[in-house]
Amino acid sequence: MGKLVLVGLGVVAAAVGAVQAARSVSTSQGGWAGLSEGVRAFAADVRAGAAEREEELRIALGVDTGTLDEATARDLLENPTAPRRGLHAG
């Protein structure tokens, strides 16, 4: 269910982006130059959001606080339902 929601959000984001791009090209004096600047700004926003989310996940998993080592955290992400020793839900 969660993946379906993410796919839906991606489709909506792509549609909104396409509409905004079309409006940008048709209404801006810069034409394609304005569009390419908008795409660059959007890509920068996506990179910033991804970095922020990665930081949140590292904190949530305890990687940055020393609660979990990086290999254990990576295993949790790759195999979230696998049985483990020494990890307790809390």
N, C-alpha and C. Protein backbone atom coordinates (compact mmCIF):
# COMPACT_ATOMS: atom_id res chain seq x y z
N MET A 1 0.83 -1.19 0.00
CA MET A 1 0.00 0.00 0.00
C MET A 1 0.86 1.25 0.00
N GLY A 2 1.95 1.23 0.78
CA GLY A 2 2.82 2.39 0.87
C GLY A 2 3.50 2.71 -0.45
N LYS A 3 3.90 1.67 -1.18
CA LYS A 3 4.54 1.89 -2.48
C LYS A 3 3.56 2.50 -3.47
N LEU A 4 2.32 2.06 -3.39
CA LEU A 4 1.30 2.60 -4.28
C LEU A 4 1.09 4.09 -4.01
N VAL A 5 1.11 4.48 -2.75
CA VAL A 5 0.97 5.89 -2.40
C VAL A 5 2.15 6.68 -2.95
N LEU A 6 3.36 6.15 -2.82
CA LEU A 6 4.53 6.84 -3.33
C LEU A 6 4.49 6.98 -4.85
N VAL A 7 4.05 5.94 -5.52
CA VAL A 7 3.92 6.02 -6.98
C VAL A 7 2.90 7.08 -7.35
N GLY A 8 1.78 7.10 -6.63
CA GLY A 8 0.75 8.11 -6.89
C GLY A 8 1.28 9.52 -6.68
N LEU A 9 2.05 9.71 -5.61
CA LEU A 9 2.63 11.03 -5.36
C LEU A 9 3.62 11.40 -6.46
N GLY A 10 4.36 10.44 -6.94
CA GLY A 10 5.29 10.70 -8.03
C GLY A 10 4.58 11.11 -9.31
N VAL A 11 3.47 10.46 -9.60
CA VAL A 11 2.70 10.80 -10.79
C VAL A 11 2.14 12.20 -10.66
N VAL A 12 1.62 12.53 -9.49
CA VAL A 12 1.07 13.88 -9.27
C VAL A 12 2.18 14.92 -9.39
N ALA A 13 3.33 14.65 -8.79
CA ALA A 13 4.45 15.60 -8.87
C ALA A 13 4.90 15.79 -10.31
N ALA A 14 4.94 14.72 -11.09
CA ALA A 14 5.34 14.83 -12.49
C ALA A 14 4.32 15.64 -13.29
N ALA A 15 3.05 15.41 -13.02
CA ALA A 15 2.01 16.17 -13.73
C ALA A 15 2.08 17.65 -13.38
N VAL A 16 2.25 17.95 -12.11
CA VAL A 16 2.36 19.35 -11.69
C VAL A 16 3.60 19.99 -12.31
N GLY A 17 4.69 19.26 -12.31
CA GLY A 17 5.91 19.77 -12.92
C GLY A 17 5.76 20.03 -14.40
N ALA A 18 5.07 19.13 -15.10
CA ALA A 18 4.86 19.31 -16.54
C ALA A 18 3.99 20.53 -16.82
N VAL A 19 2.95 20.72 -16.02
CA VAL A 19 2.08 21.89 -16.20
C VAL A 19 2.85 23.17 -15.92
N GLN A 20 3.63 23.17 -14.85
CA GLN A 20 4.41 24.36 -14.52
C GLN A 20 5.46 24.64 -15.60
N ALA A 21 6.07 23.60 -16.13
CA ALA A 21 7.06 23.78 -17.18
C ALA A 21 6.41 24.38 -18.43
N ALA A 22 5.25 23.86 -18.78
CA ALA A 22 4.55 24.39 -19.95
C ALA A 22 4.17 25.85 -19.74
N ARG A 23 3.71 26.19 -18.55
CA ARG A 23 3.36 27.58 -18.25
C ARG A 23 4.61 28.46 -18.29
N SER A 24 5.69 27.94 -17.76
CA SER A 24 6.94 28.70 -17.72
C SER A 24 7.43 29.03 -19.12
N VAL A 25 7.38 28.07 -20.01
CA VAL A 25 7.84 28.28 -21.38
C VAL A 25 6.92 29.24 -22.11
N SER A 26 5.62 29.08 -21.93
CA SER A 26 4.68 29.91 -22.69
C SER A 26 4.57 31.33 -22.16
N THR A 27 4.81 31.56 -20.88
CA THR A 27 4.62 32.90 -20.32
C THR A 27 5.91 33.66 -20.06
N SER A 28 7.03 32.97 -20.01
CA SER A 28 8.27 33.67 -19.68
C SER A 28 8.91 34.25 -20.93
N GLN A 29 9.65 35.32 -20.73
CA GLN A 29 10.37 35.92 -21.84
C GLN A 29 11.61 35.11 -22.16
N GLY A 30 12.10 34.36 -21.17
CA GLY A 30 13.30 33.57 -21.37
C GLY A 30 13.07 32.33 -22.20
N GLY A 31 11.83 31.89 -22.33
CA GLY A 31 11.53 30.69 -23.10
C GLY A 31 12.22 29.47 -22.52
N TRP A 32 12.99 28.78 -23.35
CA TRP A 32 13.67 27.57 -22.92
C TRP A 32 14.73 27.83 -21.86
N ALA A 33 15.34 29.00 -21.90
CA ALA A 33 16.33 29.33 -20.86
C ALA A 33 15.66 29.39 -19.49
N GLY A 34 14.47 29.96 -19.45
CA GLY A 34 13.72 30.02 -18.19
C GLY A 34 13.33 28.63 -17.71
N LEU A 35 12.98 27.78 -18.66
CA LEU A 35 12.62 26.40 -18.30
C LEU A 35 13.82 25.66 -17.74
N SER A 36 14.96 25.80 -18.38
CA SER A 36 16.14 25.08 -17.89
C SER A 36 16.55 25.58 -16.51
N GLU A 37 16.39 26.86 -16.25
CA GLU A 37 16.69 27.38 -14.91
C GLU A 37 15.71 26.80 -13.88
N GLY A 38 14.45 26.69 -14.27
CA GLY A 38 13.45 26.10 -13.39
C GLY A 38 13.75 24.64 -13.09
N VAL A 39 14.20 23.90 -14.09
CA VAL A 39 14.55 22.50 -13.91
C VAL A 39 15.75 22.38 -12.97
N ARG A 40 16.74 23.26 -13.15
CA ARG A 40 17.90 23.24 -12.25
C ARG A 40 17.48 23.54 -10.81
N ALA A 41 16.60 24.52 -10.63
CA ALA A 41 16.13 24.86 -9.28
C ALA A 41 15.36 23.69 -8.67
N PHE A 42 14.52 23.03 -9.48
CA PHE A 42 13.77 21.88 -9.00
C PHE A 42 14.71 20.75 -8.60
N ALA A 43 15.73 20.49 -9.41
CA ALA A 43 16.70 19.43 -9.10
C ALA A 43 17.44 19.74 -7.81
N ALA A 44 17.78 21.01 -7.61
CA ALA A 44 18.46 21.40 -6.37
C ALA A 44 17.55 21.17 -5.17
N ASP A 45 16.26 21.49 -5.32
CA ASP A 45 15.30 21.26 -4.23
C ASP A 45 15.17 19.77 -3.92
N VAL A 46 15.14 18.94 -4.96
CA VAL A 46 15.04 17.49 -4.76
C VAL A 46 16.27 16.97 -4.03
N ARG A 47 17.47 17.42 -4.46
CA ARG A 47 18.70 16.99 -3.79
C ARG A 47 18.71 17.42 -2.32
N ALA A 48 18.26 18.64 -2.04
CA ALA A 48 18.23 19.12 -0.66
C ALA A 48 17.25 18.29 0.17
N GLY A 49 16.09 17.99 -0.39
CA GLY A 49 15.11 17.18 0.31
C GLY A 49 15.61 15.77 0.58
N ALA A 50 16.30 15.19 -0.39
CA ALA A 50 16.85 13.85 -0.22
C ALA A 50 17.92 13.83 0.87
N ALA A 51 18.76 14.85 0.90
CA ALA A 51 19.79 14.93 1.93
C ALA A 51 19.17 15.09 3.31
N GLU A 52 18.12 15.89 3.39
CA GLU A 52 17.42 16.08 4.67
C GLU A 52 16.79 14.78 5.14
N ARG A 53 16.16 14.06 4.23
CA ARG A 53 15.52 12.79 4.59
C ARG A 53 16.56 11.76 5.01
N GLU A 54 17.70 11.73 4.31
CA GLU A 54 18.76 10.80 4.68
C GLU A 54 19.25 11.09 6.10
N GLU A 55 19.39 12.36 6.42
CA GLU A 55 19.82 12.73 7.77
C GLU A 55 18.79 12.28 8.81
N GLU A 56 17.50 12.47 8.51
CA GLU A 56 16.44 12.02 9.42
C GLU A 56 16.51 10.51 9.64
N LEU A 57 16.72 9.76 8.56
CA LEU A 57 16.80 8.31 8.67
C LEU A 57 18.02 7.87 9.46
N ARG A 58 19.15 8.53 9.24
CA ARG A 58 20.36 8.18 9.99
C ARG A 58 20.15 8.41 11.48
N ILE A 59 19.48 9.50 11.83
CA ILE A 59 19.20 9.79 13.24
C ILE A 59 18.21 8.76 13.79
N ALA A 60 17.15 8.46 13.02
CA ALA A 60 16.14 7.51 13.47
C ALA A 60 16.72 6.12 13.67
N LEU A 61 17.66 5.73 12.82
CA LEU A 61 18.28 4.41 12.94
C LEU A 61 19.40 4.39 13.97
N GLY A 62 19.83 5.56 14.39
CA GLY A 62 20.88 5.62 15.40
C GLY A 62 22.28 5.52 14.84
N VAL A 63 22.44 5.68 13.54
CA VAL A 63 23.75 5.56 12.93
C VAL A 63 24.67 6.68 13.41
N ASP A 64 24.17 7.91 13.43
CA ASP A 64 25.00 9.05 13.81
C ASP A 64 25.22 9.16 15.31
N THR A 65 24.37 8.52 16.10
CA THR A 65 24.52 8.60 17.55
C THR A 65 25.31 7.42 18.11
N GLY A 66 25.70 6.49 17.25
CA GLY A 66 26.49 5.35 17.69
C GLY A 66 25.64 4.21 18.22
N THR A 67 24.31 4.32 18.14
CA THR A 67 23.44 3.25 18.61
C THR A 67 23.58 2.02 17.72
N LEU A 68 23.66 2.24 16.41
CA LEU A 68 23.85 1.16 15.45
C LEU A 68 25.07 1.47 14.60
N ASP A 69 25.81 0.42 14.24
CA ASP A 69 26.88 0.66 13.29
C ASP A 69 26.28 0.70 11.89
N GLU A 70 27.03 1.22 10.95
CA GLU A 70 26.50 1.44 9.62
C GLU A 70 26.10 0.14 8.92
N ALA A 71 26.83 -0.92 9.13
CA ALA A 71 26.51 -2.21 8.49
C ALA A 71 25.17 -2.75 8.99
N THR A 72 24.92 -2.64 10.30
CA THR A 72 23.64 -3.09 10.86
C THR A 72 22.49 -2.24 10.35
N ALA A 73 22.71 -0.94 10.30
CA ALA A 73 21.67 -0.04 9.79
C ALA A 73 21.35 -0.36 8.33
N ARG A 74 22.38 -0.60 7.53
CA ARG A 74 22.16 -0.94 6.11
C ARG A 74 21.40 -2.25 5.99
N ASP A 75 21.73 -3.23 6.84
CA ASP A 75 21.01 -4.50 6.83
C ASP A 75 19.54 -4.30 7.20
N LEU A 76 19.28 -3.42 8.16
CA LEU A 76 17.89 -3.11 8.53
C LEU A 76 17.12 -2.52 7.36
N LEU A 77 17.77 -1.67 6.60
CA LEU A 77 17.11 -1.06 5.45
C LEU A 77 16.89 -2.06 4.32
N GLU A 78 17.86 -2.92 4.08
CA GLU A 78 17.76 -3.86 2.97
C GLU A 78 16.88 -5.07 3.29
N ASN A 79 16.86 -5.49 4.56
CA ASN A 79 16.08 -6.66 4.98
C ASN A 79 15.33 -6.33 6.27
N PRO A 80 14.31 -5.48 6.19
CA PRO A 80 13.66 -5.00 7.41
C PRO A 80 12.92 -6.08 8.21
N THR A 81 12.55 -7.19 7.59
CA THR A 81 11.79 -8.21 8.33
C THR A 81 12.63 -9.41 8.75
N ALA A 82 13.91 -9.37 8.47
CA ALA A 82 14.78 -10.50 8.83
C ALA A 82 14.97 -10.56 10.35
N PRO A 83 15.03 -11.78 10.91
CA PRO A 83 15.27 -11.90 12.36
C PRO A 83 16.69 -11.43 12.71
N ARG A 84 16.83 -10.82 13.87
CA ARG A 84 18.12 -10.29 14.31
C ARG A 84 18.35 -10.59 15.77
N ARG A 85 19.63 -10.65 16.14
CA ARG A 85 20.00 -10.81 17.54
C ARG A 85 20.48 -9.47 18.07
N GLY A 86 20.15 -9.20 19.31
CA GLY A 86 20.68 -8.01 19.97
C GLY A 86 19.93 -6.73 19.70
N LEU A 87 18.91 -6.76 18.85
CA LEU A 87 18.09 -5.58 18.60
C LEU A 87 16.73 -5.80 19.21
N HIS A 88 16.32 -4.85 20.02
CA HIS A 88 15.02 -4.96 20.67
C HIS A 88 14.18 -3.75 20.34
N ALA A 89 12.91 -3.98 20.04
CA ALA A 89 12.00 -2.87 19.79
C ALA A 89 11.81 -2.11 21.08
N GLY A 90 11.83 -0.82 20.98
CA GLY A 90 11.73 -0.06 22.21
C GLY A 90 11.06 1.19 22.07
